[in-house]
Each structure stands twice: as C-alpha cells, then as structure tokens.
Amino acid sequence: MTRQEPPARNDNQPKMTATNHDAIRSRGGATCGNDEFVFWKCDNCGAFAILNEEIETIHTDADDLTQSSLYILGETTVCPSCGSADSYDRARVTDRLAIERSPWAWAL
C-alpha cells in the first residue's frame, strides 16, 4: 500500500518537536541547517518516530538514525514495531509523557 495523500488528522494540534539536534546528529540523523524534527506516532501500535520536515525523512529507529526513508507521496513507510504500512500521524502534545518513557526520550 502506498500513501495516496499526506496524513492531516492532527494538523490543528500543536506539533510535538524533537529539539535535541545535537543528539539527533550524533545518532546519524541528517541535518541541513533549517531542520524541524517532529514526532510522529503509529496509529496502530503507538510506536514513535521523528520526521525531519525540511527534507521529508522519517526515522523509525531511535538508536540508529542512519536508517531512514523518504516520507512522501508514493512511498510506503512501514512501522518496524507492528509492520503496519502508512500508519504514522503527527504526535500530539498529549503524547509527551509517552515519548518521555519511550526510546525517543533523548530527542526532547
């Protein structure tokens, strides 16, 4: 299954941003200078990922950000936790506590 249109269910919610850019770079995350990393959450299992909105790259492995894929129309993104395809949507501010308890806590 490939993405037909970008997820937009939470566009009216404030973004949950990953602000620790030094840690993102140290774990292999690509940056280009104007980056905005936003948390996304699998609607199926609740696993988190971060999306670099500047270069449309999603990172699903909190320990190895060299493993990433493009998050654009026509590309499929599979959740590594549950295998669900194209199930990510923007995380909400109310997800902060869950992020703090997840492998992604370092990125806050």
N, C-alpha and C. Protein backbone atom coordinates (compact mmCIF):
# COMPACT_ATOMS: atom_id res chain seq x y z
N MET A 1 0.84 -1.17 0.00
CA MET A 1 0.00 0.00 0.00
C MET A 1 0.89 1.24 0.00
N THR A 2 0.63 2.18 -0.87
CA THR A 2 1.40 3.42 -0.90
C THR A 2 0.52 4.58 -0.48
N ARG A 3 1.15 5.58 0.09
CA ARG A 3 0.46 6.75 0.58
C ARG A 3 -0.18 7.50 -0.57
N GLN A 4 -1.46 7.76 -0.49
CA GLN A 4 -2.18 8.48 -1.53
C GLN A 4 -2.27 9.97 -1.23
N GLU A 5 -2.36 10.32 0.03
CA GLU A 5 -2.38 11.72 0.43
C GLU A 5 -1.74 11.82 1.80
N PRO A 6 -1.11 12.95 2.10
CA PRO A 6 -0.43 13.07 3.38
C PRO A 6 -1.41 13.04 4.54
N PRO A 7 -1.02 12.40 5.66
CA PRO A 7 -1.88 12.39 6.83
C PRO A 7 -2.11 13.82 7.32
N ALA A 8 -3.33 14.14 7.70
CA ALA A 8 -3.62 15.50 8.15
C ALA A 8 -4.57 15.52 9.34
N ARG A 9 -4.77 14.41 10.00
CA ARG A 9 -5.75 14.35 11.07
C ARG A 9 -5.42 15.25 12.25
N ASN A 10 -4.14 15.47 12.52
CA ASN A 10 -3.76 16.26 13.70
C ASN A 10 -3.19 17.63 13.34
N ASP A 11 -3.45 18.12 12.15
CA ASP A 11 -2.86 19.40 11.75
C ASP A 11 -3.28 20.57 12.63
N ASN A 12 -4.41 20.47 13.33
CA ASN A 12 -4.84 21.56 14.19
C ASN A 12 -4.24 21.46 15.59
N GLN A 13 -3.48 20.43 15.87
CA GLN A 13 -2.83 20.24 17.16
C GLN A 13 -1.42 20.83 17.11
N PRO A 14 -0.93 21.37 18.24
CA PRO A 14 0.46 21.84 18.26
C PRO A 14 1.42 20.69 17.98
N LYS A 15 2.50 21.00 17.29
CA LYS A 15 3.50 19.97 16.96
C LYS A 15 4.27 19.57 18.21
N MET A 16 4.61 18.29 18.30
CA MET A 16 5.50 17.77 19.33
C MET A 16 6.88 17.70 18.69
N THR A 17 7.73 18.66 18.96
CA THR A 17 9.01 18.73 18.27
C THR A 17 10.13 18.06 19.06
N ALA A 18 11.07 17.53 18.31
CA ALA A 18 12.30 16.97 18.87
C ALA A 18 13.35 18.06 18.75
N THR A 19 13.76 18.61 19.87
CA THR A 19 14.61 19.80 19.85
C THR A 19 16.09 19.53 20.10
N ASN A 20 16.46 18.30 20.42
CA ASN A 20 17.85 17.98 20.73
C ASN A 20 18.59 17.64 19.43
N HIS A 21 18.89 18.66 18.65
CA HIS A 21 19.52 18.45 17.34
C HIS A 21 20.92 17.87 17.46
N ASP A 22 21.66 18.21 18.52
CA ASP A 22 22.99 17.63 18.70
C ASP A 22 22.91 16.11 18.85
N ALA A 23 21.95 15.64 19.64
CA ALA A 23 21.78 14.20 19.83
C ALA A 23 21.29 13.54 18.55
N ILE A 24 20.45 14.22 17.81
CA ILE A 24 19.97 13.68 16.53
C ILE A 24 21.14 13.48 15.57
N ARG A 25 22.01 14.49 15.47
CA ARG A 25 23.19 14.37 14.60
C ARG A 25 24.13 13.27 15.09
N SER A 26 24.31 13.16 16.41
CA SER A 26 25.25 12.16 16.95
C SER A 26 24.76 10.73 16.71
N ARG A 27 23.46 10.56 16.51
CA ARG A 27 22.91 9.23 16.22
C ARG A 27 22.76 8.99 14.72
N GLY A 28 23.30 9.89 13.91
CA GLY A 28 23.31 9.68 12.47
C GLY A 28 22.23 10.39 11.69
N GLY A 29 21.45 11.24 12.34
CA GLY A 29 20.39 11.97 11.65
C GLY A 29 20.96 13.03 10.72
N ALA A 30 20.48 13.05 9.49
CA ALA A 30 20.92 14.04 8.52
C ALA A 30 20.26 15.38 8.82
N THR A 31 21.05 16.42 8.80
CA THR A 31 20.52 17.77 9.00
C THR A 31 21.02 18.67 7.89
N CYS A 32 20.27 19.73 7.64
CA CYS A 32 20.67 20.65 6.58
C CYS A 32 20.69 22.09 7.04
N GLY A 33 20.46 22.34 8.31
CA GLY A 33 20.57 23.68 8.84
C GLY A 33 19.25 24.33 9.21
N ASN A 34 18.18 24.03 8.49
CA ASN A 34 16.87 24.60 8.75
C ASN A 34 15.90 23.53 9.21
N ASP A 35 16.40 22.54 9.91
CA ASP A 35 15.62 21.35 10.21
C ASP A 35 14.56 21.59 11.27
N GLU A 36 13.44 20.93 11.09
CA GLU A 36 12.42 20.86 12.13
C GLU A 36 12.03 19.39 12.26
N PHE A 37 12.42 18.81 13.39
CA PHE A 37 12.11 17.41 13.66
C PHE A 37 10.83 17.35 14.48
N VAL A 38 9.88 16.58 13.99
CA VAL A 38 8.57 16.48 14.62
C VAL A 38 8.29 15.01 14.92
N PHE A 39 7.75 14.76 16.11
CA PHE A 39 7.39 13.39 16.47
C PHE A 39 6.14 12.95 15.72
N TRP A 40 6.18 11.70 15.28
CA TRP A 40 5.03 11.04 14.66
C TRP A 40 4.78 9.77 15.43
N LYS A 41 3.56 9.27 15.36
CA LYS A 41 3.15 8.12 16.15
C LYS A 41 2.37 7.15 15.28
N CYS A 42 2.67 5.87 15.41
CA CYS A 42 1.94 4.84 14.68
C CYS A 42 0.53 4.75 15.26
N ASP A 43 -0.47 4.90 14.41
CA ASP A 43 -1.86 4.81 14.86
C ASP A 43 -2.24 3.39 15.28
N ASN A 44 -1.47 2.42 14.82
CA ASN A 44 -1.80 1.02 15.11
C ASN A 44 -1.24 0.56 16.47
N CYS A 45 0.06 0.84 16.73
CA CYS A 45 0.69 0.31 17.95
C CYS A 45 1.20 1.37 18.91
N GLY A 46 1.25 2.64 18.49
CA GLY A 46 1.71 3.71 19.36
C GLY A 46 3.20 3.96 19.34
N ALA A 47 3.95 3.26 18.48
CA ALA A 47 5.40 3.49 18.39
C ALA A 47 5.66 4.88 17.81
N PHE A 48 6.74 5.52 18.28
CA PHE A 48 7.08 6.86 17.81
C PHE A 48 8.17 6.82 16.75
N ALA A 49 8.25 7.90 16.01
CA ALA A 49 9.29 8.15 15.02
C ALA A 49 9.49 9.65 14.98
N ILE A 50 10.57 10.10 14.35
CA ILE A 50 10.71 11.54 14.13
C ILE A 50 10.82 11.79 12.63
N LEU A 51 10.19 12.87 12.21
CA LEU A 51 10.20 13.28 10.82
C LEU A 51 10.94 14.60 10.70
N ASN A 52 11.93 14.64 9.83
CA ASN A 52 12.60 15.90 9.51
C ASN A 52 11.75 16.56 8.42
N GLU A 53 10.96 17.54 8.80
CA GLU A 53 10.04 18.16 7.85
C GLU A 53 10.76 18.93 6.75
N GLU A 54 11.99 19.34 7.00
CA GLU A 54 12.74 20.09 5.98
C GLU A 54 13.10 19.20 4.79
N ILE A 55 13.54 17.97 5.07
CA ILE A 55 13.95 17.09 3.97
C ILE A 55 13.05 15.86 3.82
N GLU A 56 11.90 15.87 4.55
CA GLU A 56 10.88 14.83 4.45
C GLU A 56 11.44 13.41 4.63
N THR A 57 12.24 13.27 5.68
CA THR A 57 12.85 11.98 6.01
C THR A 57 12.32 11.54 7.36
N ILE A 58 11.86 10.29 7.44
CA ILE A 58 11.34 9.75 8.69
C ILE A 58 12.34 8.74 9.26
N HIS A 59 12.56 8.85 10.56
CA HIS A 59 13.46 7.96 11.29
C HIS A 59 12.61 7.15 12.25
N THR A 60 12.66 5.83 12.12
CA THR A 60 11.83 4.96 12.95
C THR A 60 12.63 4.19 13.99
N ASP A 61 13.95 4.28 13.96
CA ASP A 61 14.82 3.58 14.91
C ASP A 61 15.50 4.62 15.80
N ALA A 62 15.13 4.69 17.05
CA ALA A 62 15.66 5.71 17.96
C ALA A 62 17.15 5.59 18.20
N ASP A 63 17.71 4.42 17.98
CA ASP A 63 19.13 4.20 18.24
C ASP A 63 20.02 4.41 17.01
N ASP A 64 19.44 4.34 15.82
CA ASP A 64 20.23 4.43 14.59
C ASP A 64 19.48 5.27 13.56
N LEU A 65 19.76 6.57 13.57
CA LEU A 65 19.06 7.47 12.66
C LEU A 65 19.62 7.44 11.24
N THR A 66 20.66 6.63 11.02
CA THR A 66 21.10 6.45 9.63
C THR A 66 20.08 5.62 8.86
N GLN A 67 19.25 4.89 9.59
CA GLN A 67 18.17 4.12 8.97
C GLN A 67 16.96 5.04 8.84
N SER A 68 16.68 5.47 7.63
CA SER A 68 15.58 6.40 7.42
C SER A 68 14.99 6.15 6.03
N SER A 69 13.86 6.77 5.80
CA SER A 69 13.25 6.68 4.48
C SER A 69 12.53 7.98 4.17
N LEU A 70 12.31 8.22 2.89
CA LEU A 70 11.56 9.40 2.49
C LEU A 70 10.11 9.22 2.91
N TYR A 71 9.51 10.29 3.37
CA TYR A 71 8.11 10.26 3.79
C TYR A 71 7.34 11.18 2.85
N ILE A 72 7.12 10.68 1.64
CA ILE A 72 6.47 11.47 0.60
C ILE A 72 5.40 10.64 -0.10
N LEU A 73 4.56 11.32 -0.85
CA LEU A 73 3.54 10.62 -1.62
C LEU A 73 4.18 9.56 -2.51
N GLY A 74 3.57 8.42 -2.58
CA GLY A 74 4.05 7.35 -3.43
C GLY A 74 5.04 6.41 -2.78
N GLU A 75 5.54 6.76 -1.61
CA GLU A 75 6.47 5.91 -0.87
C GLU A 75 5.74 5.29 0.32
N THR A 76 6.02 4.04 0.61
CA THR A 76 5.40 3.35 1.74
C THR A 76 6.35 3.36 2.93
N THR A 77 5.81 3.68 4.10
CA THR A 77 6.57 3.62 5.34
C THR A 77 5.94 2.57 6.23
N VAL A 78 6.75 1.62 6.66
CA VAL A 78 6.27 0.52 7.50
C VAL A 78 6.77 0.72 8.92
N CYS A 79 5.86 0.59 9.88
CA CYS A 79 6.23 0.68 11.29
C CYS A 79 7.05 -0.56 11.64
N PRO A 80 8.28 -0.39 12.16
CA PRO A 80 9.09 -1.56 12.50
C PRO A 80 8.57 -2.32 13.72
N SER A 81 7.73 -1.70 14.52
CA SER A 81 7.20 -2.36 15.71
C SER A 81 6.06 -3.31 15.42
N CYS A 82 5.16 -2.91 14.49
CA CYS A 82 3.97 -3.74 14.25
C CYS A 82 3.79 -4.16 12.78
N GLY A 83 4.60 -3.59 11.89
CA GLY A 83 4.51 -3.96 10.48
C GLY A 83 3.40 -3.26 9.72
N SER A 84 2.70 -2.35 10.36
CA SER A 84 1.60 -1.62 9.72
C SER A 84 2.17 -0.63 8.70
N ALA A 85 1.57 -0.57 7.54
CA ALA A 85 2.03 0.33 6.48
C ALA A 85 1.28 1.66 6.54
N ASP A 86 2.03 2.73 6.38
CA ASP A 86 1.50 4.09 6.30
C ASP A 86 0.54 4.41 7.44
N SER A 87 0.95 4.07 8.65
CA SER A 87 0.08 4.27 9.81
C SER A 87 0.53 5.42 10.70
N TYR A 88 1.56 6.17 10.30
CA TYR A 88 2.05 7.26 11.12
C TYR A 88 1.22 8.52 10.94
N ASP A 89 1.03 9.23 12.04
CA ASP A 89 0.36 10.52 12.06
C ASP A 89 1.09 11.38 13.07
N ARG A 90 0.95 12.67 12.97
CA ARG A 90 1.66 13.59 13.85
C ARG A 90 1.28 13.31 15.31
N ALA A 91 2.30 13.21 16.17
CA ALA A 91 2.07 13.03 17.60
C ALA A 91 1.50 14.33 18.17
N ARG A 92 0.73 14.20 19.22
CA ARG A 92 0.10 15.35 19.87
C ARG A 92 0.88 15.74 21.12
N VAL A 93 0.67 16.94 21.57
CA VAL A 93 1.30 17.40 22.81
C VAL A 93 0.93 16.47 23.96
N THR A 94 -0.25 15.90 23.91
CA THR A 94 -0.67 14.98 24.97
C THR A 94 0.12 13.67 24.96
N ASP A 95 0.94 13.44 23.93
CA ASP A 95 1.79 12.25 23.85
C ASP A 95 3.14 12.46 24.55
N ARG A 96 3.39 13.64 25.09
CA ARG A 96 4.70 13.95 25.65
C ARG A 96 5.15 12.93 26.70
N LEU A 97 4.30 12.58 27.64
CA LEU A 97 4.67 11.63 28.69
C LEU A 97 5.04 10.28 28.08
N ALA A 98 4.29 9.83 27.10
CA ALA A 98 4.62 8.56 26.43
C ALA A 98 5.96 8.66 25.71
N ILE A 99 6.26 9.81 25.11
CA ILE A 99 7.56 10.00 24.45
C ILE A 99 8.68 9.97 25.50
N GLU A 100 8.46 10.62 26.63
CA GLU A 100 9.46 10.63 27.71
C GLU A 100 9.77 9.22 28.21
N ARG A 101 8.82 8.32 28.10
CA ARG A 101 9.00 6.93 28.55
C ARG A 101 9.42 6.00 27.43
N SER A 102 9.61 6.53 26.24
CA SER A 102 9.94 5.73 25.07
C SER A 102 11.44 5.79 24.78
N PRO A 103 11.92 4.98 23.84
CA PRO A 103 13.32 5.07 23.42
C PRO A 103 13.69 6.42 22.80
N TRP A 104 12.70 7.26 22.52
CA TRP A 104 12.94 8.57 21.90
C TRP A 104 13.09 9.69 22.91
N ALA A 105 13.06 9.41 24.20
CA ALA A 105 13.11 10.46 25.23
C ALA A 105 14.31 11.39 25.04
N TRP A 106 15.43 10.87 24.59
CA TRP A 106 16.64 11.66 24.41
C TRP A 106 16.44 12.81 23.40
N ALA A 107 15.47 12.72 22.52
CA ALA A 107 15.30 13.71 21.46
C ALA A 107 14.50 14.95 21.90
N LEU A 108 13.86 14.87 23.05
CA LEU A 108 13.04 16.00 23.50
C LEU A 108 13.86 17.22 23.84
